Amino acid sequence: MYLKHISLTAQLDLKNFLDGAKNGFIYFSLGSNVKSKELRKESLNSIMQALGEMPYKVLWKFEDDYLPGKPQNVKLVKWAPQQAVLAHPNIKLFVTQGGLQSMEEGIYAEVPFVVIPFFADQDQNAHLMQQKGIAVVVDRFPHIEEKELKTAMLEVLNNPIYGNAVKRLKQLAMDTPMTGLEKAVWWIEYVIRHKGAKHLRNPAADLPFYQYYLIDVIGLLFTITAIVLTVIFILVRKFIRKFKAIVANRVLKSKKSQ
C-alpha cells in the first residue's frame, strides 16, 4: 500500500470549511461508481435527515450543485481530494461505500468508518472492517433507514474503541521494512539486475493454448458425458424393446386362450 499526502491549498473554500469545523466534521462519500444523486428518494431523504441531526459539519461528495432540503451543516462537493480530507485533523468519521481504495486510505488516516456497501467486493470489505472493530455496517435494503444510519454514526463517533482499533490496524499495516514505493522500486531494480528475472516467471504463462484454456479438460468431460449418455440410451432402448416383447407375448397368449 502506497499513499501520499495531498494538500488542500489548491481548494481554499474547502480548506476553510474543514478548518472551521472546530467540533470536527464527517466525510460522506460513496466513491466514483455509486452516485449519491441517483439514490432512491427514500434513501436520500434518510441520509439528509441523519446528517442534519449530527452535531458536526458534514462534507458530502454529491454530484449536483443543488440538493433540495440540504441541511445547514452539510457542504456539497462534486469532487474532493479524499486523502487530504481524511488526513485533516478535524475529521471524526468517514461514511463510505466500502471500496478497497477508500478502506486503505481511511485506515492510513486513522479514521473510523460507517460503511454502506452496494455491490462487488464492498459487502465483503464492510463486514471485514466490522469484524476488525473499525466500522459499523448499515444495510441499504430495501432502502437506507434514517434511524439505522444515525445510530451507526453516533456509535462510532461516541465510542473510542473504533478509533483505537483503526490506529492499531494502521500500525500493523505500516510495520514493514519498506514502504510501498520503496518496495516497488526495489523489485523493478531486481528485475533489471537479473535481466528480466525469468526464474520468477509463472509457468502458467508457457502453457500450451489447449491447456491454458482447459480445452483438454473440457474435452475429457465432454467425452465422459457422451459415453454415459450413450450407455443410458442403449440400456433404455433395450429395456423398452424387452418390455414391448413381454407385452406382445402376453397379448398373443391371451388371444390363443380365447
Protein backbone atom coordinates (compact mmCIF):
# COMPACT_ATOMS: atom_id res chain seq x y z
CA MET A 1 0.00 0.00 0.00
CA TYR A 2 1.42 3.37 -1.03
CA LEU A 3 -0.37 6.58 -0.08
CA LYS A 4 0.94 10.10 -0.19
CA HIS A 5 -0.19 13.32 1.48
CA ILE A 6 -2.10 15.74 -0.75
CA SER A 7 -2.54 19.38 0.17
CA LEU A 8 -5.83 21.28 0.34
CA THR A 9 -4.20 24.62 -0.50
CA ALA A 10 -5.50 24.49 -4.08
CA GLN A 11 -9.10 24.43 -2.78
CA LEU A 12 -9.28 27.30 -0.31
CA ASP A 13 -13.07 27.17 0.03
CA LEU A 14 -12.93 23.51 1.05
CA LYS A 15 -9.93 24.12 3.31
CA ASN A 16 -11.70 26.97 5.09
CA PHE A 17 -14.80 24.81 5.62
CA LEU A 18 -12.79 21.97 7.17
CA ASP A 19 -10.58 24.30 9.20
CA GLY A 20 -13.72 25.97 10.53
CA ALA A 21 -15.16 22.68 11.79
CA LYS A 22 -13.91 23.22 15.33
CA ASN A 23 -16.04 20.39 16.73
CA GLY A 24 -14.98 18.12 13.88
CA PHE A 25 -16.55 17.02 10.60
CA ILE A 26 -17.93 13.91 8.92
CA TYR A 27 -16.85 12.96 5.40
CA PHE A 28 -19.61 11.24 3.38
CA SER A 29 -18.56 9.71 0.05
CA LEU A 30 -19.90 6.71 -1.85
CA GLY A 31 -16.96 6.61 -4.25
CA SER A 32 -16.90 7.11 -8.00
CA ASN A 33 -19.18 4.24 -9.07
CA VAL A 34 -22.09 4.88 -6.70
CA LYS A 35 -23.64 8.32 -7.27
CA SER A 36 -25.44 9.86 -4.32
CA LYS A 37 -27.74 11.87 -6.59
CA GLU A 38 -29.09 8.63 -8.13
CA LEU A 39 -30.07 7.03 -4.83
CA ARG A 40 -33.72 6.23 -4.18
CA LYS A 41 -35.68 9.16 -2.81
CA GLU A 42 -36.28 7.34 0.49
CA SER A 43 -32.56 6.70 0.94
CA LEU A 44 -31.61 10.25 0.00
CA ASN A 45 -34.09 11.73 2.48
CA SER A 46 -32.90 9.38 5.23
CA ILE A 47 -29.28 10.40 4.64
CA MET A 48 -30.14 14.12 4.71
CA GLN A 49 -32.15 13.79 7.92
CA ALA A 50 -29.48 11.71 9.66
CA LEU A 51 -26.64 14.03 8.62
CA GLY A 52 -28.67 17.10 9.58
CA GLU A 53 -29.03 15.82 13.15
CA MET A 54 -25.30 15.34 13.62
CA PRO A 55 -23.55 17.89 15.92
CA TYR A 56 -20.78 18.19 13.32
CA LYS A 57 -20.22 19.72 9.94
CA VAL A 58 -20.54 17.30 7.04
CA LEU A 59 -18.65 17.22 3.75
CA TRP A 60 -20.73 15.25 1.23
CA LYS A 61 -19.39 14.19 -2.16
CA PHE A 62 -22.50 14.85 -4.20
CA GLU A 63 -22.72 15.00 -8.00
CA ASP A 64 -25.01 18.05 -8.24
CA ASP A 65 -24.62 21.64 -7.11
CA TYR A 66 -28.09 21.74 -5.58
CA LEU A 67 -29.94 19.37 -3.27
CA PRO A 68 -33.43 20.42 -2.11
CA GLY A 69 -33.73 20.23 1.66
CA LYS A 70 -29.98 20.11 2.27
CA PRO A 71 -29.22 20.61 5.98
CA GLN A 72 -27.34 23.74 7.02
CA ASN A 73 -24.38 21.81 8.40
CA VAL A 74 -23.77 19.98 5.10
CA LYS A 75 -21.45 21.16 2.32
CA LEU A 76 -21.76 19.55 -1.13
CA VAL A 77 -18.74 19.00 -3.37
CA LYS A 78 -18.69 17.21 -6.72
CA TRP A 79 -15.13 16.06 -6.04
CA ALA A 80 -12.74 16.21 -3.12
CA PRO A 81 -9.08 15.20 -2.68
CA GLN A 82 -10.01 12.26 -0.49
CA GLN A 83 -6.59 11.58 1.01
CA ALA A 84 -6.23 15.23 2.02
CA VAL A 85 -9.74 15.30 3.52
CA LEU A 86 -9.10 12.12 5.50
CA ALA A 87 -5.76 13.48 6.71
CA HIS A 88 -7.35 16.68 8.06
CA PRO A 89 -7.00 16.89 11.87
CA ASN A 90 -10.67 17.80 12.36
CA ILE A 91 -12.14 14.68 10.76
CA LYS A 92 -14.19 12.42 13.04
CA LEU A 93 -15.85 9.86 10.78
CA PHE A 94 -15.74 8.50 7.23
CA VAL A 95 -19.05 7.27 5.78
CA THR A 96 -18.15 5.20 2.72
CA GLN A 97 -19.42 2.51 0.36
CA GLY A 98 -16.59 0.18 1.40
CA GLY A 99 -14.39 0.19 -1.70
CA LEU A 100 -10.89 -1.19 -1.21
CA GLN A 101 -9.16 2.11 -2.00
CA SER A 102 -11.35 4.04 0.43
CA MET A 103 -10.77 1.41 3.09
CA GLU A 104 -6.98 1.65 2.71
CA GLU A 105 -7.00 5.46 2.71
CA GLY A 106 -9.22 5.62 5.79
CA ILE A 107 -7.02 3.19 7.72
CA TYR A 108 -3.89 5.10 6.70
CA ALA A 109 -5.50 8.32 8.01
CA GLU A 110 -6.67 6.54 11.20
CA VAL A 111 -10.33 7.44 10.63
CA PRO A 112 -13.11 5.06 11.81
CA PHE A 113 -15.90 4.11 9.39
CA VAL A 114 -19.59 3.72 8.83
CA VAL A 115 -19.98 1.54 5.74
CA ILE A 116 -22.95 1.32 3.34
CA PRO A 117 -21.99 -1.44 0.85
CA PHE A 118 -23.63 -1.52 -2.58
CA PHE A 119 -22.02 -4.14 -4.87
CA ALA A 120 -18.93 -6.16 -5.87
CA ASP A 121 -16.39 -6.56 -3.04
CA GLN A 122 -17.94 -3.83 -0.90
CA ASP A 123 -20.12 -6.11 1.22
CA GLN A 124 -17.18 -8.39 1.99
CA ASN A 125 -14.94 -5.41 2.78
CA ALA A 126 -17.62 -3.87 5.00
CA HIS A 127 -18.08 -6.95 7.16
CA LEU A 128 -14.33 -7.48 7.37
CA MET A 129 -13.96 -3.91 8.66
CA GLN A 130 -16.76 -4.50 11.17
CA GLN A 131 -15.10 -7.74 12.27
CA LYS A 132 -11.85 -5.82 12.84
CA GLY A 133 -13.74 -3.36 15.04
CA ILE A 134 -13.10 -0.27 12.88
CA ALA A 135 -16.57 0.16 11.37
CA VAL A 136 -20.32 -0.25 11.72
CA VAL A 137 -22.19 -1.55 8.67
CA VAL A 138 -25.51 -0.05 7.55
CA ASP A 139 -27.86 -2.13 5.39
CA ARG A 140 -29.30 -0.35 2.34
CA PHE A 141 -32.14 -2.83 1.60
CA PRO A 142 -34.87 -2.03 0.79
CA HIS A 143 -33.51 1.48 1.36
CA ILE A 144 -31.26 3.30 3.82
CA GLU A 145 -33.09 3.95 7.10
CA GLU A 146 -32.53 7.27 8.90
CA LYS A 147 -32.57 5.72 12.37
CA GLU A 148 -30.10 2.96 11.47
CA LEU A 149 -27.67 5.39 9.82
CA LYS A 150 -27.91 7.89 12.66
CA THR A 151 -27.41 5.18 15.30
CA ALA A 152 -24.38 3.80 13.44
CA MET A 153 -22.75 7.22 13.12
CA LEU A 154 -23.31 8.12 16.77
CA GLU A 155 -21.98 4.73 17.85
CA VAL A 156 -18.68 5.26 16.01
CA LEU A 157 -18.44 8.94 16.95
CA ASN A 158 -19.07 8.42 20.66
CA ASN A 159 -17.28 5.11 21.23
CA PRO A 160 -13.47 5.39 21.22
CA ILE A 161 -12.96 1.67 20.56
CA TYR A 162 -13.39 2.24 16.81
CA GLY A 163 -10.76 4.96 16.64
CA ASN A 164 -8.37 2.92 18.78
CA ALA A 165 -8.92 -0.16 16.62
CA VAL A 166 -8.16 1.67 13.38
CA LYS A 167 -4.96 3.08 14.89
CA ARG A 168 -3.82 -0.42 15.85
CA LEU A 169 -4.69 -1.72 12.40
CA LYS A 170 -2.66 1.03 10.75
CA GLN A 171 0.34 0.15 12.93
CA LEU A 172 0.09 -3.46 11.79
CA ALA A 173 -0.24 -2.47 8.13
CA MET A 174 2.63 0.02 8.19
CA ASP A 175 5.06 -2.10 10.24
CA THR A 176 7.11 -3.27 7.24
CA PRO A 177 10.81 -2.97 6.36
CA MET A 178 9.97 -0.87 3.29
CA THR A 179 7.21 1.48 2.18
CA GLY A 180 5.07 0.52 -0.79
CA LEU A 181 7.02 2.89 -3.05
CA GLU A 182 10.38 1.57 -1.85
CA LYS A 183 9.23 -1.99 -2.41
CA ALA A 184 8.07 -1.19 -5.96
CA VAL A 185 11.43 0.47 -6.76
CA TRP A 186 13.35 -2.47 -5.27
CA TRP A 187 11.51 -5.05 -7.38
CA ILE A 188 11.88 -3.01 -10.56
CA GLU A 189 15.63 -2.80 -9.97
CA TYR A 190 15.70 -6.52 -9.08
CA VAL A 191 14.14 -7.45 -12.43
CA ILE A 192 16.61 -5.18 -14.24
CA ARG A 193 19.60 -6.64 -12.36
CA HIS A 194 18.60 -10.19 -13.24
CA LYS A 195 17.77 -9.45 -16.88
CA GLY A 196 14.04 -9.99 -16.66
CA ALA A 197 14.10 -12.38 -13.67
CA LYS A 198 12.91 -15.29 -15.78
CA HIS A 199 13.21 -17.60 -12.76
CA LEU A 200 10.19 -15.77 -11.29
CA ARG A 201 8.10 -16.22 -14.42
CA ASN A 202 4.89 -18.09 -13.74
CA PRO A 203 4.93 -21.49 -15.51
CA ALA A 204 1.30 -20.92 -16.47
CA ALA A 205 2.48 -18.27 -18.93
CA ASP A 206 4.16 -21.01 -21.01
CA LEU A 207 1.27 -23.47 -21.07
CA PRO A 208 0.04 -24.65 -24.48
CA PHE A 209 -3.13 -22.99 -25.74
CA TYR A 210 -5.32 -26.05 -25.11
CA GLN A 211 -4.08 -26.37 -21.51
CA TYR A 212 -4.29 -22.65 -20.73
CA TYR A 213 -7.97 -22.59 -21.69
CA LEU A 214 -8.60 -26.09 -20.21
CA ILE A 215 -9.69 -27.42 -23.60
CA ASP A 216 -8.21 -30.84 -22.76
CA VAL A 217 -10.21 -31.00 -19.52
CA ILE A 218 -13.38 -29.81 -21.24
CA GLY A 219 -12.84 -32.38 -24.00
CA LEU A 220 -12.40 -35.18 -21.46
CA LEU A 221 -15.53 -34.17 -19.55
CA PHE A 222 -17.49 -33.94 -22.81
CA THR A 223 -16.30 -37.41 -23.86
CA ILE A 224 -17.20 -38.96 -20.50
CA THR A 225 -20.63 -37.30 -20.60
CA ALA A 226 -21.22 -38.53 -24.15
CA ILE A 227 -20.25 -42.09 -23.20
CA VAL A 228 -22.51 -42.10 -20.14
CA LEU A 229 -25.46 -40.72 -22.13
CA THR A 230 -24.86 -43.27 -24.90
CA VAL A 231 -24.82 -46.17 -22.42
CA ILE A 232 -28.00 -44.89 -20.77
CA PHE A 233 -29.67 -44.54 -24.19
CA ILE A 234 -28.72 -48.11 -25.18
CA LEU A 235 -29.93 -49.55 -21.87
CA VAL A 236 -33.23 -47.66 -22.04
CA ARG A 237 -33.79 -48.76 -25.65
CA LYS A 238 -33.12 -52.41 -24.72
CA PHE A 239 -35.47 -52.13 -21.76
CA ILE A 240 -38.23 -50.69 -23.95
CA ARG A 241 -37.78 -53.45 -26.56
CA LYS A 242 -37.87 -56.15 -23.89
CA PHE A 243 -40.93 -54.58 -22.29
CA LYS A 244 -42.71 -54.45 -25.67
CA ALA A 245 -41.80 -58.08 -26.32
CA ILE A 246 -43.20 -59.15 -22.94
CA VAL A 247 -46.43 -57.22 -23.56
CA ALA A 248 -46.74 -58.69 -27.07
CA ASN A 249 -46.28 -62.25 -25.76
CA ARG A 250 -48.95 -61.73 -23.12
CA VAL A 251 -51.37 -60.35 -25.71
CA LEU A 252 -50.65 -63.30 -28.01
CA LYS A 253 -51.19 -65.84 -25.21
CA SER A 254 -54.41 -64.09 -24.26
CA LYS A 255 -55.74 -64.36 -27.81
CA LYS A 256 -54.82 -68.04 -28.04
CA SER A 257 -56.59 -68.82 -24.78
CA GLN A 258 -59.79 -67.27 -26.16
